Amino acid sequence: MRAVVYCWSPAKASYKRMPRERSVSTSPAVNLLIDIGNTRLKWSLAVQGKLVQPGAAIAHCQLTEDRLLAEWRNLPTLKTVAVASVANQNIVESVFSVIQRIQPGVPLHIVQPLKQSLGVVNAYTEPEKLGVDRWLGLVAARHSGLGGVCIADCGTAITIDLLREDGRHLGGLIAPGLKLMMQALHQGTAALPDALGSFPIAPANFTEAAIHSGVVLSAVGLIREVIGNYAPNMQLILTGGDAAQIANFFPANSRLDLDLVLRGLAIVMMEIE
């Protein structure tokens, strides 16, 4: 089954299935790929299924149409804009508005997870309920040549997904991310402070550092437990906004790929062109 992509219709605020047309142009098409997570927007240009110009991540709290205009004003002529979003629909609408201002008529496509596509078999009984970011991570991992993989996406939430070498998804786990764990301690207690910041990971002699160490090691312990019990022979891939600090606790042969979702999005768009 081929990838399903939906075209955004701003007038009706809905998605339409995109017709599968192939370009007759001989020059490589340039696509703009956008990964809208729970707290950040990331983007990259892609040519022939490869990322060629990753852009900076923009936090939602800093995300305005003027900021997007500044980022995208000088982009080359685009064939398509592809979006993977787990965030509020208003952000997708803002993206569409900016694209139509800088390159009127360029289609905006919203990617959705499938039961089976691009060599991946989705384990979910309701495949559309798997987060599209998780789906695209599976697609990217399947095409990485690494065999069986354990993907730990360490973002707003921590998601862990297992993919066999034959492309069969074995399911996954979801837990709070580092910031959410810290916020829960701060908001759910009378005396514990907000512990956002960077501290050494060790038994601490003040509360903020103790919270930070406990939260980070909770995430590390979760990933280790999953690997030990369910994925002892799988390659670990770490991605997401907090992946870099968590990667320090895993062997050097673990993969750190902060653009994993964008790579999956590039593969999907390559398949439908």
Protein backbone atom coordinates (compact mmCIF):
# COMPACT_ATOMS: atom_id res chain seq x y z
CA MET A 1 0.00 0.00 0.00
CA ARG A 2 1.34 3.41 -0.94
CA ALA A 3 1.63 6.33 1.43
CA VAL A 4 -1.49 8.39 2.00
CA VAL A 5 -1.16 12.15 1.85
CA TYR A 6 -3.95 14.64 2.30
CA CYS A 7 -4.17 18.10 0.78
CA TRP A 8 -5.13 20.92 3.12
CA SER A 9 -8.18 22.91 2.05
CA PRO A 10 -8.25 26.20 4.01
CA ALA A 11 -11.69 27.22 2.82
CA LYS A 12 -13.33 24.12 4.27
CA ALA A 13 -10.75 23.51 7.01
CA SER A 14 -10.51 19.88 6.04
CA TYR A 15 -8.25 17.43 4.28
CA LYS A 16 -8.72 16.09 0.76
CA ARG A 17 -7.04 13.03 -0.61
CA MET A 18 -4.23 14.04 -2.93
CA PRO A 19 -4.36 12.66 -6.49
CA ARG A 20 -1.30 10.59 -7.35
CA GLU A 21 0.17 12.56 -10.20
CA ARG A 22 3.79 12.38 -11.27
CA SER A 23 5.70 15.44 -12.40
CA VAL A 24 6.96 15.51 -15.98
CA SER A 25 9.79 17.86 -15.05
CA THR A 26 13.32 16.49 -15.42
CA SER A 27 14.80 18.76 -12.73
CA PRO A 28 14.81 17.47 -9.15
CA ALA A 29 11.78 18.67 -7.20
CA VAL A 30 12.40 20.62 -4.01
CA ASN A 31 10.00 19.90 -1.16
CA LEU A 32 9.63 21.75 2.11
CA LEU A 33 9.17 19.31 4.98
CA ILE A 34 7.70 20.47 8.29
CA ASP A 35 7.57 18.50 11.53
CA ILE A 36 5.21 20.15 14.02
CA GLY A 37 5.66 18.58 17.42
CA ASN A 38 4.00 19.37 20.73
CA THR A 39 6.43 22.16 21.58
CA ARG A 40 8.51 22.92 18.45
CA LEU A 41 8.34 23.23 14.68
CA LYS A 42 11.25 21.83 12.67
CA TRP A 43 11.73 22.06 8.93
CA SER A 44 14.05 21.07 6.11
CA LEU A 45 14.25 21.16 2.35
CA ALA A 46 14.45 17.79 0.63
CA VAL A 47 15.46 16.67 -2.85
CA GLN A 48 14.88 13.12 -4.08
CA GLY A 49 14.11 11.85 -0.60
CA LYS A 50 17.17 13.38 1.08
CA LEU A 51 17.36 16.28 3.51
CA VAL A 52 19.46 19.05 2.00
CA GLN A 53 18.93 22.11 4.19
CA PRO A 54 17.65 21.49 7.71
CA GLY A 55 16.38 24.66 9.34
CA ALA A 56 16.40 25.73 12.96
CA ALA A 57 13.74 24.45 15.34
CA ILE A 58 11.25 27.10 16.47
CA ALA A 59 9.49 26.79 19.82
CA HIS A 60 5.72 27.24 19.66
CA CYS A 61 5.97 30.15 22.08
CA GLN A 62 8.12 31.96 19.49
CA LEU A 63 6.14 30.84 16.46
CA THR A 64 4.51 33.68 14.55
CA GLU A 65 3.71 34.15 10.89
CA ASP A 66 6.33 36.92 10.75
CA ARG A 67 8.96 34.50 12.09
CA LEU A 68 8.00 31.90 9.48
CA LEU A 69 8.09 34.54 6.74
CA ALA A 70 11.61 35.48 7.78
CA GLU A 71 12.69 31.82 7.74
CA TRP A 72 11.08 30.91 4.41
CA ARG A 73 11.03 34.11 2.37
CA ASN A 74 14.08 33.16 0.28
CA LEU A 75 13.32 29.48 -0.29
CA PRO A 76 13.79 28.09 -3.80
CA THR A 77 10.72 27.30 -5.87
CA LEU A 78 8.87 24.49 -4.12
CA LYS A 79 6.97 21.59 -5.62
CA THR A 80 5.16 20.69 -2.42
CA VAL A 81 5.02 21.41 1.28
CA ALA A 82 4.58 18.29 3.43
CA VAL A 83 3.52 18.51 7.06
CA ALA A 84 3.54 16.00 9.89
CA SER A 85 1.72 17.49 12.85
CA VAL A 86 0.71 16.33 16.31
CA ALA A 87 -0.06 19.90 17.39
CA ASN A 88 -3.00 22.25 17.27
CA GLN A 89 -4.65 22.72 13.88
CA ASN A 90 -4.16 26.48 14.18
CA ILE A 91 -0.43 26.02 13.63
CA VAL A 92 -1.07 24.12 10.39
CA GLU A 93 -3.33 26.96 9.25
CA SER A 94 -0.60 29.51 10.02
CA VAL A 95 1.90 27.47 8.02
CA PHE A 96 -0.51 27.33 5.09
CA SER A 97 -1.06 31.09 5.27
CA VAL A 98 2.66 31.83 5.16
CA ILE A 99 3.34 29.43 2.30
CA GLN A 100 0.56 30.96 0.21
CA ARG A 101 2.01 34.42 0.83
CA ILE A 102 5.52 33.51 -0.32
CA GLN A 103 4.70 30.93 -3.03
CA PRO A 104 1.01 31.12 -3.96
CA GLY A 105 -0.51 27.90 -5.24
CA VAL A 106 2.03 25.50 -3.75
CA PRO A 107 0.08 22.53 -2.33
CA LEU A 108 0.29 21.74 1.37
CA HIS A 109 0.05 18.03 2.16
CA ILE A 110 -0.72 16.51 5.54
CA VAL A 111 0.80 13.06 6.07
CA GLN A 112 -1.12 10.44 8.05
CA PRO A 113 -0.08 7.01 9.41
CA LEU A 114 -1.23 3.85 7.65
CA LYS A 115 -1.67 0.20 8.57
CA GLN A 116 1.02 -0.83 6.11
CA SER A 117 3.24 1.18 3.80
CA LEU A 118 6.86 1.65 2.75
CA GLY A 119 7.90 -1.66 4.27
CA VAL A 120 6.41 -0.96 7.72
CA VAL A 121 3.46 -2.82 9.25
CA ASN A 122 1.78 -0.72 11.94
CA ALA A 123 1.02 -2.70 15.13
CA TYR A 124 -1.89 -0.49 16.16
CA THR A 125 -5.34 -2.01 15.72
CA GLU A 126 -6.49 1.53 14.87
CA PRO A 127 -3.47 2.62 12.82
CA GLU A 128 -4.59 6.22 12.44
CA LYS A 129 -4.20 6.65 16.22
CA LEU A 130 -0.45 6.06 16.11
CA GLY A 131 1.19 9.47 16.25
CA VAL A 132 2.36 10.52 12.81
CA ASP A 133 5.76 11.39 14.29
CA ARG A 134 6.11 7.83 15.53
CA TRP A 135 4.98 6.47 12.16
CA LEU A 136 7.53 8.55 10.27
CA GLY A 137 10.26 7.52 12.70
CA LEU A 138 9.43 3.90 11.91
CA VAL A 139 9.55 4.61 8.17
CA ALA A 140 12.93 6.32 8.48
CA ALA A 141 14.32 3.50 10.61
CA ARG A 142 13.04 0.86 8.18
CA HIS A 143 14.96 2.53 5.36
CA SER A 144 18.13 3.06 7.39
CA GLY A 145 19.54 -0.42 6.81
CA LEU A 146 20.03 -0.98 10.55
CA GLY A 147 17.81 -4.06 10.86
CA GLY A 148 15.70 -4.32 14.01
CA VAL A 149 15.53 -1.04 15.91
CA CYS A 150 14.33 0.45 19.17
CA ILE A 151 13.36 4.10 18.62
CA ALA A 152 13.29 6.33 21.69
CA ASP A 153 11.84 9.74 20.88
CA CYS A 154 12.66 11.96 23.85
CA GLY A 155 10.48 15.02 23.42
CA THR A 156 7.49 16.47 25.24
CA ALA A 157 6.53 12.84 25.74
CA ILE A 158 8.93 9.92 25.60
CA THR A 159 7.78 7.34 23.09
CA ILE A 160 9.56 4.05 22.52
CA ASP A 161 8.75 1.92 19.48
CA LEU A 162 10.14 -1.45 18.45
CA LEU A 163 10.56 -2.42 14.81
CA ARG A 164 11.63 -5.88 13.70
CA GLU A 165 14.11 -6.35 10.89
CA ASP A 166 11.28 -7.42 8.57
CA GLY A 167 9.47 -4.10 9.12
CA ARG A 168 6.84 -5.33 11.57
CA HIS A 169 6.11 -2.81 14.30
CA LEU A 170 5.86 -4.55 17.68
CA GLY A 171 4.14 -1.65 19.42
CA GLY A 172 5.46 0.92 21.83
CA LEU A 173 5.29 2.77 25.13
CA ILE A 174 4.53 6.36 26.08
CA ALA A 175 5.73 8.23 29.17
CA PRO A 176 6.08 11.89 30.20
CA GLY A 177 9.12 13.70 28.86
CA LEU A 178 11.70 15.37 31.08
CA LYS A 179 9.97 18.74 31.23
CA LEU A 180 6.56 17.20 31.92
CA MET A 181 7.99 15.13 34.77
CA MET A 182 9.57 18.24 36.29
CA GLN A 183 6.36 20.23 35.88
CA ALA A 184 4.34 17.46 37.52
CA LEU A 185 6.58 17.53 40.59
CA HIS A 186 6.41 21.31 40.79
CA GLN A 187 2.67 21.62 40.24
CA GLY A 188 1.62 18.54 42.19
CA THR A 189 3.46 19.34 45.41
CA ALA A 190 3.51 22.24 47.83
CA ALA A 191 7.25 22.70 48.22
CA LEU A 192 9.16 21.31 45.23
CA PRO A 193 10.51 24.05 42.94
CA ASP A 194 10.59 24.26 39.17
CA ALA A 195 13.84 22.45 38.34
CA LEU A 196 14.36 23.50 34.73
CA GLY A 197 18.05 23.95 34.07
CA SER A 198 21.22 21.94 33.65
CA PHE A 199 22.80 20.12 36.57
CA PRO A 200 25.25 17.22 36.96
CA ILE A 201 23.54 13.84 37.04
CA ALA A 202 24.42 12.56 40.51
CA PRO A 203 23.05 12.43 44.05
CA ALA A 204 22.56 16.12 44.82
CA ASN A 205 22.70 18.38 47.87
CA PHE A 206 19.98 20.80 46.70
CA THR A 207 16.47 20.16 45.45
CA GLU A 208 16.60 21.44 41.87
CA ALA A 209 19.58 19.24 41.02
CA ALA A 210 18.02 16.28 42.81
CA ILE A 211 14.86 16.62 40.71
CA HIS A 212 16.86 17.01 37.50
CA SER A 213 18.92 13.89 38.20
CA GLY A 214 15.88 11.86 39.19
CA VAL A 215 13.95 12.84 36.09
CA VAL A 216 16.78 12.22 33.63
CA LEU A 217 17.63 8.86 35.18
CA SER A 218 13.94 7.91 35.13
CA ALA A 219 13.95 8.37 31.37
CA VAL A 220 17.25 6.52 30.99
CA GLY A 221 15.98 3.67 33.18
CA LEU A 222 12.79 3.35 31.14
CA ILE A 223 14.72 3.03 27.90
CA ARG A 224 17.18 0.55 29.41
CA GLU A 225 14.33 -1.54 30.81
CA VAL A 226 12.63 -1.72 27.42
CA ILE A 227 15.87 -2.67 25.70
CA GLY A 228 16.74 -5.31 28.29
CA ASN A 229 13.32 -6.96 28.29
CA TYR A 230 12.04 -6.50 24.76
CA ALA A 231 14.85 -5.37 22.45
CA PRO A 232 18.19 -6.83 23.56
CA ASN A 233 19.43 -7.30 20.01
CA MET A 234 17.94 -4.19 18.44
CA GLN A 235 19.81 -1.05 17.43
CA LEU A 236 18.89 1.94 19.62
CA ILE A 237 17.97 5.17 17.82
CA LEU A 238 17.50 8.27 19.96
CA THR A 239 15.66 11.30 18.65
CA GLY A 240 13.70 14.27 20.00
CA GLY A 241 14.60 17.49 21.77
CA ASP A 242 16.08 15.85 24.89
CA ALA A 243 17.80 12.99 23.08
CA ALA A 244 21.28 14.53 23.11
CA GLN A 245 21.56 14.58 26.91
CA ILE A 246 20.02 11.12 27.26
CA ALA A 247 22.38 9.69 24.63
CA ASN A 248 25.29 10.17 27.02
CA PHE A 249 24.02 7.23 29.08
CA PHE A 250 24.04 4.72 26.23
CA PRO A 251 26.80 2.92 24.31
CA ALA A 252 28.65 4.70 21.54
CA ASN A 253 27.07 2.46 18.91
CA SER A 254 23.64 3.92 19.70
CA ARG A 255 22.39 6.27 17.00
CA LEU A 256 21.48 9.89 17.71
CA ASP A 257 19.32 11.22 14.87
CA LEU A 258 17.57 14.49 15.67
CA ASP A 259 16.04 14.64 12.17
CA LEU A 260 14.52 11.16 12.16
CA VAL A 261 10.92 12.34 11.63
CA LEU A 262 11.94 14.66 8.81
CA ARG A 263 13.84 11.79 7.16
CA GLY A 264 10.71 9.68 7.29
CA LEU A 265 8.69 12.53 5.82
CA ALA A 266 11.20 12.85 2.97
CA ILE A 267 10.85 9.13 2.21
CA VAL A 268 7.05 9.38 2.14
CA MET A 269 7.12 12.31 -0.28
CA MET A 270 9.68 10.57 -2.48
CA GLU A 271 7.39 7.54 -2.73
CA ILE A 272 4.39 9.51 -3.99
CA GLU A 273 6.23 11.70 -6.52
